[in-house]
Protein backbone atom coordinates (compact mmCIF):
# COMPACT_ATOMS: atom_id res chain seq x y z
CA MET A 1 29.56 -9.92 53.17
CA ASP A 2 27.27 -10.76 56.10
CA ARG A 3 28.28 -13.25 58.80
CA ARG A 4 26.04 -16.05 57.53
CA HIS A 5 27.38 -15.69 54.01
CA PHE A 6 30.96 -15.65 55.30
CA LEU A 7 30.51 -18.83 57.35
CA ALA A 8 28.82 -20.67 54.50
CA THR A 9 31.61 -19.68 52.14
CA ALA A 10 34.27 -20.78 54.61
CA LEU A 11 32.64 -24.19 55.07
CA SER A 12 32.33 -24.61 51.33
CA LEU A 13 36.03 -23.95 50.89
CA ALA A 14 36.91 -26.23 53.80
CA ALA A 15 35.03 -29.08 52.16
CA GLY A 16 36.54 -28.31 48.78
CA SER A 17 38.53 -31.51 48.50
CA ALA A 18 35.37 -33.59 48.90
CA LEU A 19 33.19 -31.43 46.68
CA GLY A 20 35.79 -31.01 44.02
CA LYS A 21 36.17 -28.19 41.51
CA PRO A 22 34.09 -28.36 38.32
CA GLN A 23 36.12 -28.90 35.20
CA ALA A 24 35.04 -27.58 31.84
CA GLY A 25 34.71 -29.79 28.79
CA ILE A 26 33.93 -33.12 30.50
CA ALA A 27 30.96 -34.61 28.66
CA LEU A 28 29.83 -37.77 30.45
CA THR A 29 27.06 -39.60 28.63
CA SER A 30 24.84 -40.73 31.50
CA ARG A 31 23.97 -39.42 34.95
CA PRO A 32 23.95 -41.91 37.85
CA ARG A 33 20.94 -42.88 39.94
CA PRO A 34 20.98 -44.20 43.51
CA ASP A 35 22.62 -47.65 43.77
CA GLN A 36 24.37 -47.15 40.45
CA ALA A 37 28.07 -46.68 39.88
CA GLY A 38 29.04 -43.04 40.24
CA TRP A 39 26.36 -42.15 42.77
CA PRO A 40 27.96 -40.15 45.61
CA SER A 41 29.04 -42.06 48.70
CA ASP A 42 27.77 -41.30 52.20
CA ALA A 43 31.03 -39.47 52.83
CA ASP A 44 30.44 -37.33 49.75
CA TRP A 45 26.94 -36.40 50.90
CA SER A 46 28.30 -35.63 54.35
CA ALA A 47 30.79 -33.22 52.81
CA LEU A 48 28.01 -31.42 50.96
CA ASN A 49 26.01 -31.23 54.17
CA GLN A 50 29.00 -29.67 55.93
CA ALA A 51 29.57 -27.21 53.10
CA THR A 52 25.95 -26.04 53.31
CA SER A 53 25.84 -25.74 57.11
CA GLY A 54 23.59 -28.77 57.55
CA ARG A 55 21.05 -27.82 54.89
CA LEU A 56 21.21 -31.15 53.04
CA THR A 57 18.33 -33.56 53.65
CA ARG A 58 16.52 -36.40 51.95
CA VAL A 59 13.25 -35.45 50.26
CA THR A 60 9.92 -37.13 50.96
CA PRO A 61 6.36 -36.06 50.16
CA PRO A 62 4.38 -34.86 53.17
CA ASN A 63 2.49 -37.55 55.06
CA LEU A 64 -0.90 -35.96 55.61
CA ALA A 65 -3.85 -37.18 57.61
CA PRO A 66 -6.91 -37.60 55.35
CA ALA A 67 -8.75 -34.90 57.29
CA ASP A 68 -6.03 -32.36 56.49
CA ALA A 69 -5.02 -33.40 52.98
CA LYS A 70 -7.87 -31.88 50.97
CA GLN A 71 -7.55 -28.45 52.56
CA LEU A 72 -3.75 -28.25 52.58
CA LEU A 73 -3.30 -29.59 49.06
CA ALA A 74 -5.65 -26.87 47.79
CA ASN A 75 -3.41 -24.19 49.36
CA PRO A 76 -0.63 -22.95 47.02
CA PHE A 77 1.30 -21.52 49.96
CA TYR A 78 1.39 -24.92 51.65
CA ILE A 79 2.43 -26.66 48.43
CA GLY A 80 5.14 -24.07 47.84
CA ASP A 81 6.55 -24.75 51.30
CA GLN A 82 6.93 -28.49 50.61
CA PRO A 83 10.19 -29.46 48.83
CA GLY A 84 8.58 -32.75 47.78
CA LEU A 85 5.64 -31.11 45.97
CA THR A 86 5.11 -28.88 42.93
CA GLU A 87 2.24 -26.50 42.18
CA SER A 88 0.99 -28.85 39.42
CA SER A 89 0.76 -32.55 40.23
CA GLY A 90 1.53 -33.75 36.71
CA TRP A 91 0.59 -33.91 33.04
CA LEU A 92 -1.09 -36.71 31.11
CA ASP A 93 1.48 -39.01 29.42
CA ALA A 94 4.24 -36.54 30.33
CA TRP A 95 5.28 -36.31 33.98
CA ARG A 96 4.21 -36.83 37.58
CA SER A 97 5.37 -34.83 40.55
CA GLU A 98 8.02 -36.98 42.26
CA PRO A 99 10.51 -35.87 44.90
CA SER A 100 14.27 -35.71 44.41
CA ALA A 101 16.57 -38.02 46.34
CA TYR A 102 18.34 -35.21 48.23
CA MET A 103 17.81 -31.52 48.71
CA VAL A 104 19.87 -28.49 49.63
CA ALA A 105 17.57 -25.88 51.19
CA ALA A 106 19.76 -22.97 50.16
CA GLU A 107 19.84 -19.80 52.23
CA SER A 108 22.74 -18.05 50.49
CA SER A 109 24.62 -17.91 47.22
CA ALA A 110 27.40 -19.90 48.90
CA ASP A 111 24.94 -22.77 49.48
CA VAL A 112 24.02 -22.64 45.80
CA VAL A 113 27.69 -22.70 44.80
CA ALA A 114 28.34 -25.76 46.94
CA ALA A 115 25.36 -27.64 45.49
CA VAL A 116 26.17 -26.73 41.89
CA ARG A 117 29.80 -27.77 42.26
CA PHE A 118 28.77 -31.04 43.92
CA ALA A 119 26.30 -31.83 41.13
CA LYS A 120 28.90 -30.98 38.49
CA VAL A 121 31.66 -33.11 40.02
CA HIS A 122 29.37 -36.11 40.53
CA ASN A 123 27.51 -35.67 37.22
CA LEU A 124 24.13 -35.55 38.98
CA ARG A 125 20.74 -34.65 37.62
CA LEU A 126 20.23 -31.23 39.20
CA VAL A 127 16.81 -29.66 39.72
CA VAL A 128 16.21 -26.05 40.74
CA LYS A 129 13.01 -25.06 42.53
CA GLY A 130 11.91 -21.67 43.75
CA ARG A 131 8.12 -21.54 43.91
CA GLY A 132 7.58 -24.67 41.77
CA HIS A 133 5.01 -23.33 39.29
CA SER A 134 6.43 -24.85 36.09
CA TYR A 135 3.68 -26.57 34.10
CA PHE A 136 6.39 -28.75 32.57
CA GLY A 137 7.52 -30.07 35.95
CA ALA A 138 10.91 -28.41 35.59
CA SER A 139 11.35 -28.23 39.37
CA CYS A 140 11.07 -31.95 40.09
CA ALA A 141 12.75 -35.18 38.97
CA PRO A 142 13.24 -38.49 40.80
CA ASP A 143 16.83 -39.56 41.57
CA SER A 144 18.08 -35.99 41.41
CA LEU A 145 19.61 -33.38 43.70
CA LEU A 146 17.14 -30.58 44.38
CA LEU A 147 18.45 -27.08 44.90
CA TRP A 148 15.58 -25.37 46.74
CA THR A 149 15.75 -21.59 46.95
CA ARG A 150 12.45 -21.04 48.81
CA LYS A 151 14.15 -19.43 51.84
CA MET A 152 16.05 -16.93 49.69
CA ASP A 153 13.03 -14.65 49.55
CA ALA A 154 14.25 -11.26 50.78
CA VAL A 155 12.87 -8.13 49.10
CA THR A 156 14.67 -4.77 49.04
CA VAL A 157 13.26 -1.53 47.63
CA HIS A 158 15.75 0.97 46.16
CA ASP A 159 15.08 4.68 45.71
CA GLY A 160 17.93 4.73 43.21
CA PHE A 161 19.74 1.70 41.78
CA ILE A 162 22.78 1.65 39.50
CA PRO A 163 23.87 -1.70 38.03
CA GLN A 164 27.46 -2.69 38.83
CA GLY A 165 29.90 -1.31 36.29
CA SER A 166 27.30 0.99 34.78
CA SER A 167 27.50 4.76 34.37
CA SER A 168 23.73 5.12 34.03
CA GLU A 169 21.59 7.33 36.22
CA PRO A 170 20.06 5.69 39.31
CA VAL A 171 16.49 4.46 38.90
CA PRO A 172 13.88 3.26 41.43
CA ALA A 173 14.04 -0.53 41.64
CA ILE A 174 13.32 -3.60 43.70
CA THR A 175 15.59 -6.59 44.41
CA ALA A 176 14.02 -10.01 45.00
CA GLY A 177 15.68 -13.23 46.08
CA ALA A 178 15.37 -16.45 44.12
CA GLY A 179 12.53 -17.77 46.30
CA CYS A 180 10.43 -14.60 46.36
CA MET A 181 6.82 -14.68 45.14
CA TRP A 182 5.15 -11.85 43.26
CA LEU A 183 2.63 -11.04 46.01
CA HIS A 184 5.43 -10.02 48.35
CA ALA A 185 7.23 -8.07 45.63
CA TYR A 186 4.03 -6.17 44.81
CA GLN A 187 3.36 -5.43 48.48
CA ALA A 188 6.88 -4.13 49.06
CA ALA A 189 6.81 -1.94 45.96
CA ALA A 190 3.32 -0.56 46.69
CA SER A 191 4.33 0.37 50.24
CA ALA A 192 6.96 2.62 48.65
CA GLY A 193 4.48 4.09 46.17
CA ARG A 194 5.85 2.03 43.28
CA TYR A 195 4.67 -0.70 40.93
CA VAL A 196 6.82 -3.60 39.70
CA GLN A 197 5.72 -5.51 36.62
CA GLY A 198 5.17 -9.17 37.41
CA GLY A 199 2.75 -12.07 37.13
CA GLY A 200 -0.96 -12.25 37.81
CA CYS A 201 -0.88 -15.26 40.14
CA THR A 202 0.24 -14.10 43.59
CA THR A 203 2.30 -17.21 44.46
CA VAL A 204 4.31 -17.43 41.22
CA GLY A 205 8.05 -16.97 41.72
CA VAL A 206 9.76 -13.80 40.59
CA ALA A 207 12.81 -15.62 39.19
CA GLY A 208 10.95 -18.15 37.06
CA LEU A 209 8.53 -15.63 35.59
CA VAL A 210 11.29 -13.20 34.61
CA GLN A 211 13.37 -15.89 32.96
CA GLY A 212 10.35 -17.04 30.96
CA GLY A 213 9.53 -13.53 29.76
CA GLY A 214 7.07 -12.35 32.37
CA PHE A 215 3.63 -11.27 31.23
CA GLY A 216 1.25 -10.08 33.94
CA ASN A 217 -1.98 -8.19 34.53
CA PHE A 218 -0.74 -4.83 33.30
CA SER A 219 1.83 -5.75 30.65
CA LYS A 220 0.12 -3.57 28.04
CA GLY A 221 0.91 -0.64 30.32
CA PHE A 222 4.30 -1.56 31.76
CA GLY A 223 5.76 -4.28 29.52
CA THR A 224 7.21 -7.59 30.61
CA ALA A 225 9.04 -8.51 33.78
CA ALA A 226 12.03 -9.55 31.67
CA ALA A 227 12.22 -6.10 30.10
CA SER A 228 12.35 -4.58 33.60
CA LEU A 229 15.41 -6.59 34.64
CA LEU A 230 18.35 -4.33 35.54
CA GLU A 231 20.74 -6.83 37.10
CA ALA A 232 20.93 -10.43 38.25
CA GLU A 233 23.18 -12.58 40.38
CA ILE A 234 23.57 -16.08 38.97
CA VAL A 235 25.62 -19.17 39.78
CA THR A 236 26.69 -20.80 36.52
CA ALA A 237 27.67 -24.40 35.84
CA ASP A 238 31.31 -23.74 36.70
CA GLY A 239 30.24 -22.91 40.25
CA GLU A 240 31.04 -19.22 39.94
CA ILE A 241 28.88 -16.35 41.20
CA ARG A 242 28.35 -13.77 38.48
CA VAL A 243 26.68 -10.38 38.76
CA ILE A 244 25.44 -9.58 35.28
CA ASN A 245 23.70 -6.68 33.56
CA GLU A 246 23.79 -4.78 30.28
CA THR A 247 27.45 -3.93 30.92
CA ARG A 248 28.76 -7.10 32.59
CA GLU A 249 28.36 -10.30 30.54
CA PRO A 250 25.55 -8.84 28.42
CA GLU A 251 24.86 -12.01 26.40
CA LEU A 252 24.12 -14.07 29.50
CA PHE A 253 22.06 -11.18 30.85
CA TRP A 254 20.04 -11.08 27.62
CA ALA A 255 19.47 -14.84 27.77
CA LEU A 256 18.02 -14.56 31.29
CA LYS A 257 15.41 -12.13 29.97
CA GLY A 258 13.02 -14.68 28.50
CA GLY A 259 15.37 -17.54 27.61
CA GLY A 260 13.73 -19.90 30.09
CA GLY A 261 14.25 -20.71 33.76
CA GLY A 262 16.60 -23.40 35.04
CA THR A 263 18.64 -23.33 31.83
CA PHE A 264 21.63 -21.04 32.14
CA GLY A 265 22.36 -21.29 35.86
CA VAL A 266 20.77 -20.69 39.25
CA THR A 267 19.54 -17.13 39.55
CA THR A 268 19.93 -16.11 43.18
CA ARG A 269 18.64 -12.54 43.05
CA LEU A 270 17.12 -10.17 40.52
CA THR A 271 16.79 -6.40 40.47
CA LEU A 272 13.89 -4.94 38.49
CA ALA A 273 13.06 -1.36 37.57
CA THR A 274 9.85 -0.07 39.12
CA HIS A 275 7.24 2.38 37.88
CA PRO A 276 5.10 5.05 39.52
CA LEU A 277 2.12 3.39 41.18
CA PRO A 278 -1.10 3.95 39.19
CA THR A 279 -3.72 6.04 40.92
CA SER A 280 -6.33 3.32 40.71
CA VAL A 281 -6.81 -0.27 39.60
CA GLY A 282 -9.89 -2.41 39.32
CA ALA A 283 -11.76 -5.26 37.70
CA VAL A 284 -14.60 -5.72 35.23
CA ASN A 285 -16.61 -8.94 35.25
CA ALA A 286 -19.57 -9.99 33.13
CA THR A 287 -21.13 -13.12 31.67
CA LEU A 288 -22.87 -12.63 28.32
CA ARG A 289 -24.99 -15.38 26.75
CA ALA A 290 -26.24 -15.84 23.21
CA ARG A 291 -29.43 -17.83 22.68
CA SER A 292 -28.38 -19.31 19.32
CA ASP A 293 -25.24 -20.12 17.38
CA ASP A 294 -25.97 -17.34 14.89
CA ALA A 295 -26.37 -14.83 17.71
CA TYR A 296 -23.12 -16.06 19.24
CA ARG A 297 -21.23 -15.43 16.01
CA LYS A 298 -22.61 -11.89 16.00
CA LEU A 299 -21.61 -11.44 19.64
CA LEU A 300 -18.06 -12.60 18.88
CA ALA A 301 -17.92 -10.22 15.94
CA ARG A 302 -19.08 -7.34 18.11
CA PHE A 303 -16.51 -8.26 20.77
CA VAL A 304 -13.65 -8.40 18.24
CA GLU A 305 -14.59 -4.91 17.04
CA PHE A 306 -14.85 -3.73 20.64
CA CYS A 307 -11.48 -5.27 21.47
CA ALA A 308 -9.81 -3.47 18.57
CA THR A 309 -11.24 -0.08 19.50
CA SER A 310 -11.39 -0.17 23.30
CA LEU A 311 -9.17 -2.82 24.92
CA CYS A 312 -5.84 -2.67 23.11
CA ASN A 313 -4.33 0.13 25.14
CA PRO A 314 -2.21 0.50 28.30
CA HIS A 315 -5.24 0.50 30.63
CA TRP A 316 -6.51 -3.06 30.15
CA GLY A 317 -5.43 -6.59 30.92
CA GLU A 318 -6.53 -10.13 31.74
CA GLN A 319 -8.92 -12.26 29.76
CA VAL A 320 -12.13 -13.05 27.96
CA ARG A 321 -13.29 -16.65 27.46
CA ALA A 322 -15.43 -18.01 24.64
CA HIS A 323 -17.30 -21.13 25.81
CA PRO A 324 -18.98 -24.00 23.92
CA ASP A 325 -22.37 -23.10 25.41
CA ASN A 326 -22.36 -19.73 23.61
CA ARG A 327 -21.21 -17.88 26.68
CA LEU A 328 -18.70 -15.01 26.62
CA GLU A 329 -17.10 -14.63 30.03
CA ILE A 330 -15.31 -11.35 30.81
CA HIS A 331 -12.69 -11.11 33.57
CA MET A 332 -10.70 -7.94 32.87
CA VAL A 333 -8.58 -5.66 35.04
CA PHE A 334 -7.74 -2.02 34.49
CA GLN A 335 -5.26 0.56 35.75
CA GLY A 336 -5.21 4.34 35.50
CA LEU A 337 -8.99 4.62 35.04
CA THR A 338 -11.81 5.49 37.41
CA THR A 339 -14.62 3.01 37.83
CA ASP A 340 -16.90 5.33 35.84
CA GLU A 341 -14.39 5.42 32.99
CA ALA A 342 -14.04 1.64 33.04
CA ARG A 343 -17.82 1.19 33.03
CA ALA A 344 -18.16 3.66 30.18
CA ALA A 345 -15.57 1.74 28.16
CA PHE A 346 -17.78 -1.36 28.22
CA LYS A 347 -21.00 0.51 27.44
CA PRO A 348 -20.89 -0.17 23.65
CA LEU A 349 -20.77 -3.92 24.27
CA ILE A 350 -23.59 -3.81 26.82
CA ASP A 351 -25.65 -1.56 24.53
CA PHE A 352 -25.33 -4.20 21.80
CA LEU A 353 -26.94 -6.77 24.09
CA ALA A 354 -29.63 -4.35 25.20
CA ALA A 355 -30.57 -3.62 21.60
CA ASN A 356 -31.11 -7.34 20.93
CA PRO A 357 -32.92 -8.66 24.03
CA ASP A 358 -34.37 -11.70 22.26
CA ASP A 359 -30.90 -12.93 21.29
CA TYR A 360 -28.84 -12.22 24.42
CA ALA A 361 -28.83 -12.36 28.19
CA GLY A 362 -26.37 -10.88 30.66
CA LYS A 363 -26.56 -7.14 30.08
CA ASP A 364 -27.16 -6.68 33.80
CA SER A 365 -24.23 -8.90 34.81
CA LEU A 366 -21.63 -6.18 34.35
CA GLU A 367 -19.71 -5.59 37.58
CA VAL A 368 -17.07 -2.86 37.85
CA VAL A 369 -15.03 -2.31 41.02
CA GLY A 370 -11.96 -0.19 41.65
CA VAL A 371 -9.62 0.69 44.50
CA PRO A 372 -6.60 2.92 45.02
CA ALA A 373 -3.64 0.95 43.67
CA ARG A 374 -1.77 1.16 46.98
CA TYR A 375 -4.38 -1.20 48.47
CA PHE A 376 -4.72 -3.65 45.58
CA TRP A 377 -2.24 -6.24 46.93
CA ASN A 378 -3.06 -5.84 50.64
CA GLY A 379 -4.75 -8.93 51.98
CA TRP A 380 -6.75 -7.01 54.58
CA LEU A 381 -8.79 -5.39 51.80
CA TYR A 382 -10.07 -8.80 50.67
CA ARG A 383 -10.51 -10.15 54.18
CA LEU A 384 -12.74 -7.24 55.13
CA PHE A 385 -14.52 -6.24 51.95
CA ALA A 386 -14.07 -8.76 49.12
CA ARG A 387 -13.79 -12.31 50.39
CA SER A 388 -15.40 -13.53 47.17
CA ALA A 389 -12.25 -12.52 45.27
CA ALA A 390 -9.54 -14.23 47.30
CA ASN A 391 -8.59 -17.26 49.37
CA PHE A 392 -6.26 -17.00 52.35
CA ASP A 393 -3.45 -19.07 53.77
CA GLY A 394 -5.23 -20.31 56.85
CA ARG A 395 -2.35 -22.21 58.43
CA SER A 396 -1.37 -21.34 61.96
CA GLY A 397 1.25 -18.59 61.93
CA ALA A 398 0.75 -17.69 58.24
CA PRO A 399 0.89 -13.97 57.41
CA TRP A 400 -2.67 -12.71 57.43
CA THR A 401 -2.05 -10.73 54.23
CA ASP A 402 -1.08 -13.83 52.17
CA TYR A 403 -3.81 -14.68 49.66
CA TRP A 404 -4.37 -16.10 46.21
CA TRP A 405 -7.04 -15.14 43.68
CA LYS A 406 -10.01 -17.50 43.66
CA GLY A 407 -9.77 -17.57 39.88
CA ASP A 408 -6.37 -19.27 40.20
CA GLY A 409 -7.66 -21.88 42.62
CA GLU A 410 -8.46 -24.41 39.89
CA GLN A 411 -4.75 -24.58 39.04
CA VAL A 412 -3.55 -25.51 42.53
CA GLY A 413 -2.23 -29.06 42.34
CA ALA A 414 -3.84 -29.54 38.93
CA PHE A 415 -3.15 -32.63 36.85
CA TRP A 416 -2.99 -31.32 33.29
CA HIS A 417 -4.76 -33.15 30.49
CA ALA A 418 -3.65 -30.58 27.91
CA TYR A 419 -2.37 -27.01 27.75
CA THR A 420 -1.74 -25.03 24.57
CA SER A 421 -1.13 -21.41 23.63
CA ALA A 422 -0.69 -19.21 20.55
CA TRP A 423 0.12 -15.55 19.98
CA LEU A 424 -2.69 -13.84 18.01
CA PRO A 425 -1.32 -11.10 15.71
CA SER A 426 -2.85 -7.63 15.67
CA SER A 427 -3.57 -7.99 11.94
CA LEU A 428 -6.53 -10.19 12.89
CA LEU A 429 -8.21 -7.11 14.37
CA SER A 430 -8.12 -5.28 11.04
CA PRO A 431 -11.59 -4.96 9.47
CA GLU A 432 -10.61 -7.14 6.52
CA ASN A 433 -9.47 -10.00 8.81
CA ARG A 434 -12.09 -9.91 11.55
CA THR A 435 -14.34 -12.49 9.86
CA LEU A 436 -11.41 -14.91 9.78
CA LEU A 437 -10.83 -14.39 13.50
CA VAL A 438 -14.51 -14.66 14.40
CA ASP A 439 -14.89 -17.90 12.45
CA ALA A 440 -11.79 -19.35 14.10
CA LEU A 441 -12.99 -18.37 17.58
CA PHE A 442 -16.47 -19.77 16.99
CA ASN A 443 -15.18 -23.04 15.52
CA ALA A 444 -12.62 -23.47 18.30
CA SER A 445 -15.22 -22.80 20.98
CA ARG A 446 -17.34 -25.68 19.68
CA HIS A 447 -14.65 -28.01 21.06
CA TRP A 448 -13.47 -26.27 24.25
CA ALA A 449 -13.33 -22.91 26.00
CA VAL A 450 -10.86 -20.45 24.44
CA GLY A 451 -9.17 -17.90 26.70
CA LEU A 452 -8.00 -14.63 25.14
CA HIS A 453 -5.41 -13.19 27.53
CA LEU A 454 -5.26 -9.60 26.36
CA ASN A 455 -2.44 -8.60 28.72
CA LYS A 456 -0.18 -11.31 27.28
CA GLY A 457 0.60 -9.57 24.02
CA LEU A 458 1.95 -6.05 23.69
CA PHE A 459 -0.08 -4.69 20.79
CA GLY A 460 -1.47 -1.40 22.05
CA ALA A 461 1.35 -0.80 24.53
CA PRO A 462 3.34 2.47 24.39
CA PRO A 463 6.24 2.45 21.89
CA ASP A 464 8.89 2.65 24.61
CA VAL A 465 7.42 -0.42 26.34
CA ILE A 466 7.60 -2.42 23.12
CA ALA A 467 11.13 -1.20 22.42
CA LYS A 468 12.36 -2.42 25.82
CA ALA A 469 10.65 -5.76 25.33
CA ARG A 470 12.40 -6.23 22.01
CA ASN A 471 15.71 -6.21 23.91
CA THR A 472 14.81 -9.57 25.47
CA ALA A 473 14.87 -13.18 24.29
CA THR A 474 11.06 -13.37 24.14
CA HIS A 475 9.58 -14.56 20.84
CA PRO A 476 9.07 -11.47 18.63
CA ASP A 477 5.50 -12.57 17.87
CA ALA A 478 4.55 -11.43 21.39
CA PHE A 479 5.25 -7.79 20.61
CA ASP A 480 2.62 -7.52 17.87
CA ALA A 481 0.11 -9.91 19.44
CA PHE A 482 -3.12 -8.43 20.76
CA ALA A 483 -3.59 -11.51 22.95
CA LEU A 484 -2.25 -14.89 23.91
CA ALA A 485 -4.85 -17.59 23.29
CA ILE A 486 -4.76 -20.33 25.93
CA ILE A 487 -6.79 -23.52 25.65
CA ALA A 488 -6.31 -26.01 28.48
CA ALA A 489 -7.93 -28.76 30.54
CA SER A 490 -7.05 -30.34 33.85
CA GLY A 491 -8.31 -32.72 36.49
CA PRO A 492 -8.13 -32.83 40.29
CA THR A 493 -4.80 -33.03 42.06
CA THR A 494 -3.20 -36.46 42.31
CA PHE A 495 -1.30 -35.51 45.47
CA GLY A 496 -1.98 -37.54 48.57
CA GLY A 497 -4.10 -40.04 46.68
CA LEU A 498 -6.98 -37.56 46.61
CA ALA A 499 -7.76 -38.51 43.00
CA THR A 500 -6.64 -40.92 40.31
CA PRO A 501 -6.69 -39.62 36.73
CA ASP A 502 -9.44 -41.12 34.60
CA PRO A 503 -7.56 -41.98 31.38
CA VAL A 504 -10.70 -42.04 29.24
CA LEU A 505 -11.84 -38.61 30.42
CA ALA A 506 -8.31 -37.15 30.32
CA ASN A 507 -7.72 -38.35 26.76
CA ALA A 508 -11.11 -37.00 25.67
CA HIS A 509 -10.26 -33.60 27.17
CA ARG A 510 -6.86 -33.60 25.46
CA ASP A 511 -8.42 -34.38 22.10
CA ARG A 512 -10.98 -31.60 22.46
CA VAL A 513 -8.33 -29.06 23.51
CA ASN A 514 -6.14 -29.99 20.56
CA ALA A 515 -9.11 -29.80 18.18
CA ALA A 516 -9.95 -26.35 19.52
CA MET A 517 -6.40 -25.11 19.01
CA GLU A 518 -6.31 -26.59 15.50
CA ALA A 519 -9.49 -24.67 14.66
CA LEU A 520 -8.10 -21.45 16.12
CA ARG A 521 -4.80 -21.90 14.30
CA VAL A 522 -6.64 -21.42 10.98
CA ALA A 523 -6.48 -17.72 11.81
CA ALA A 524 -2.86 -17.76 13.12
CA PRO A 525 -1.15 -20.80 11.59
CA ASN A 526 2.50 -19.91 12.12
CA THR A 527 2.72 -17.83 15.28
CA GLY A 528 4.70 -18.83 18.34
CA ALA A 529 3.72 -19.74 21.89
CA TYR A 530 4.55 -18.38 25.36
CA VAL A 531 7.45 -20.16 27.09
CA ASN A 532 5.82 -20.14 30.54
CA GLU A 533 2.43 -21.35 29.27
CA CYS A 534 2.50 -23.77 26.38
CA ASP A 535 2.18 -27.38 25.26
CA TYR A 536 4.45 -30.02 26.78
CA PHE A 537 4.29 -31.77 23.40
CA GLN A 538 4.88 -28.58 21.37
CA SER A 539 6.21 -29.46 17.92
CA ASP A 540 9.17 -27.49 16.55
CA TRP A 541 9.47 -26.05 20.04
CA GLN A 542 12.73 -24.19 19.43
CA ASN A 543 11.07 -22.02 16.80
CA ALA A 544 7.67 -21.93 18.50
CA LEU A 545 9.05 -20.64 21.80
CA TRP A 546 11.88 -18.35 20.66
CA GLY A 547 11.77 -18.00 16.87
CA PRO A 548 14.85 -16.22 15.47
CA ASN A 549 16.33 -15.88 18.98
CA TYR A 550 16.94 -19.58 19.47
CA GLN A 551 20.40 -19.86 17.88
CA ARG A 552 21.69 -16.94 19.92
CA LEU A 553 20.32 -18.55 23.08
CA LEU A 554 21.94 -21.85 22.16
CA ASP A 555 25.29 -20.11 21.73
CA VAL A 556 24.95 -18.66 25.26
CA LYS A 557 24.01 -22.08 26.63
CA ARG A 558 27.01 -23.78 25.03
CA HIS A 559 29.35 -21.10 26.36
CA TYR A 560 28.19 -21.12 30.00
CA ASP A 561 27.00 -24.71 30.33
CA PRO A 562 28.84 -26.82 27.72
CA ASP A 563 28.17 -30.09 29.56
CA GLY A 564 24.45 -29.55 30.06
CA LEU A 565 24.34 -29.52 33.86
CA PHE A 566 21.11 -27.50 33.73
CA PHE A 567 18.32 -29.38 31.97
CA VAL A 568 14.61 -28.62 31.69
CA HIS A 569 12.09 -30.03 29.26
CA HIS A 570 12.05 -27.95 26.07
CA GLY A 571 14.74 -25.72 27.51
CA VAL A 572 17.52 -24.33 25.35
CA GLY A 573 19.92 -27.17 24.54
CA SER A 574 17.61 -29.91 25.86
CA GLU A 575 17.41 -31.52 22.43
CA GLY A 576 20.83 -32.98 23.23
CA TRP A 577 19.42 -35.08 26.09
CA SER A 578 16.93 -37.86 26.72
CA ALA A 579 13.45 -36.82 27.85
CA ASP A 580 14.31 -37.39 31.52
CA GLY A 581 17.56 -35.42 31.33
CA PHE A 582 19.73 -38.38 32.38
CA THR A 583 21.35 -39.44 29.11
CA ARG A 584 23.22 -37.34 26.60
CA LEU A 585 22.18 -38.22 23.04
CA PRO A 586 24.71 -38.91 20.28
CA SER A 587 25.50 -35.73 18.41
């Protein structure tokens, strides 16, 4: 135990009489708000501040000068550093980003223990925030206590890691703290000649992505982040620190692998298996246009055939978008191929356009670039040679290697009008079903753009990758899906008064997104959705998000958190609470 951890633990114990000890089985029906009976007194808050070495503060949104607001609120690193902000600013008719009443800026597991015990004793609405990327607004709630793990962001690379209590052979791994983002995990792993499977967006938190399942750029090659989890440290609702893995408390460990973040406890660190670093990675971009609806149907049909034969393998990831203006937009990434091999893979699709010049444009738009994988996550590469691909954290003192992909920029601070997803089964790629898929894609694209995220779906992955993924709580539909379809719309950020949502426009966008998904669902009427990227208003969400795994997850939830201290929208067990998480519903 290091000195900081020892001191924090000692202070927590010293303040024990004020913080209290959580008691199991107490089911209070309503959580207090400020100025209501049951809200902690000033003396109570002072005790929590003492127990966390002065890390308790009130939470307020940043007060920005108009000249600074637009630039800073478009920077995901800045937003992530503000306890009063979230990476999305809200969702139409669902939620708005609002700060908690108080915050513990945790720097150790002892700080987390103190905050959890305090929230349990005082029956508070508790919110956990690492990087704050939840589309559902899981990391914010007014009148709550925020447990902010941003500063717990250490990364450790292991040449050989053995989970506690295990007799397994040591494996290369990486340990990330609760506040760590994927960019820093990738950089640390690559510097050691390793690759860790994570998310595509550089500023997404490691902990949240893993607990939601964890699909990323190269999941068809390396599986999900959840399937890579070897061990986790978690503080559960009883205020205890637990180190869990396949041997120690295996049911809770299984639940953390895709059962949803912020539901079973506060994960303070995670250790993930790593893989040999690919020799090369790269990107393929192209914009193909059809000059008529009939030609567009034929282009979609040719793409579906091409997808089945060339893209459903461990080398490929990312997405293709079908647009209402008969445009097919390709933004793919690859690993383990040379640029010549990647270009050759797309030749059949380009040849199709070239053979029909009167019907199509865009055959010359194909762009293929590749780099050694050890450089792929190094910011200097993009600063010097590819500024069109990335934006940089330009704040004074910011690490010069911190960047985010320009393609993710539209999500920074977004106010969501609608967001839906659906797993698309591999059977739709069979020759006898391709017409059904093409018709569904064409009809959906008449309403709104349809994104086919080919890396989010494990069809085409190696058998051992799929086998490991099946030992997680992720919906089984993901393992046979060739893609996750995402259809979404958003407006400008509402932070800082920069924009006010236009209700007429937002409702029109929502209706078009929902119409597009309804048209696409003709081809996949009963498949599930991805926990980390789905509809706030998802019907039958228990089945849609976890399928046959839900009852097992609910059993874990009831065992480790019987009183529902940890609440997130559409999280396991949330059906027992009001929409704001403050009132327990009659059973």
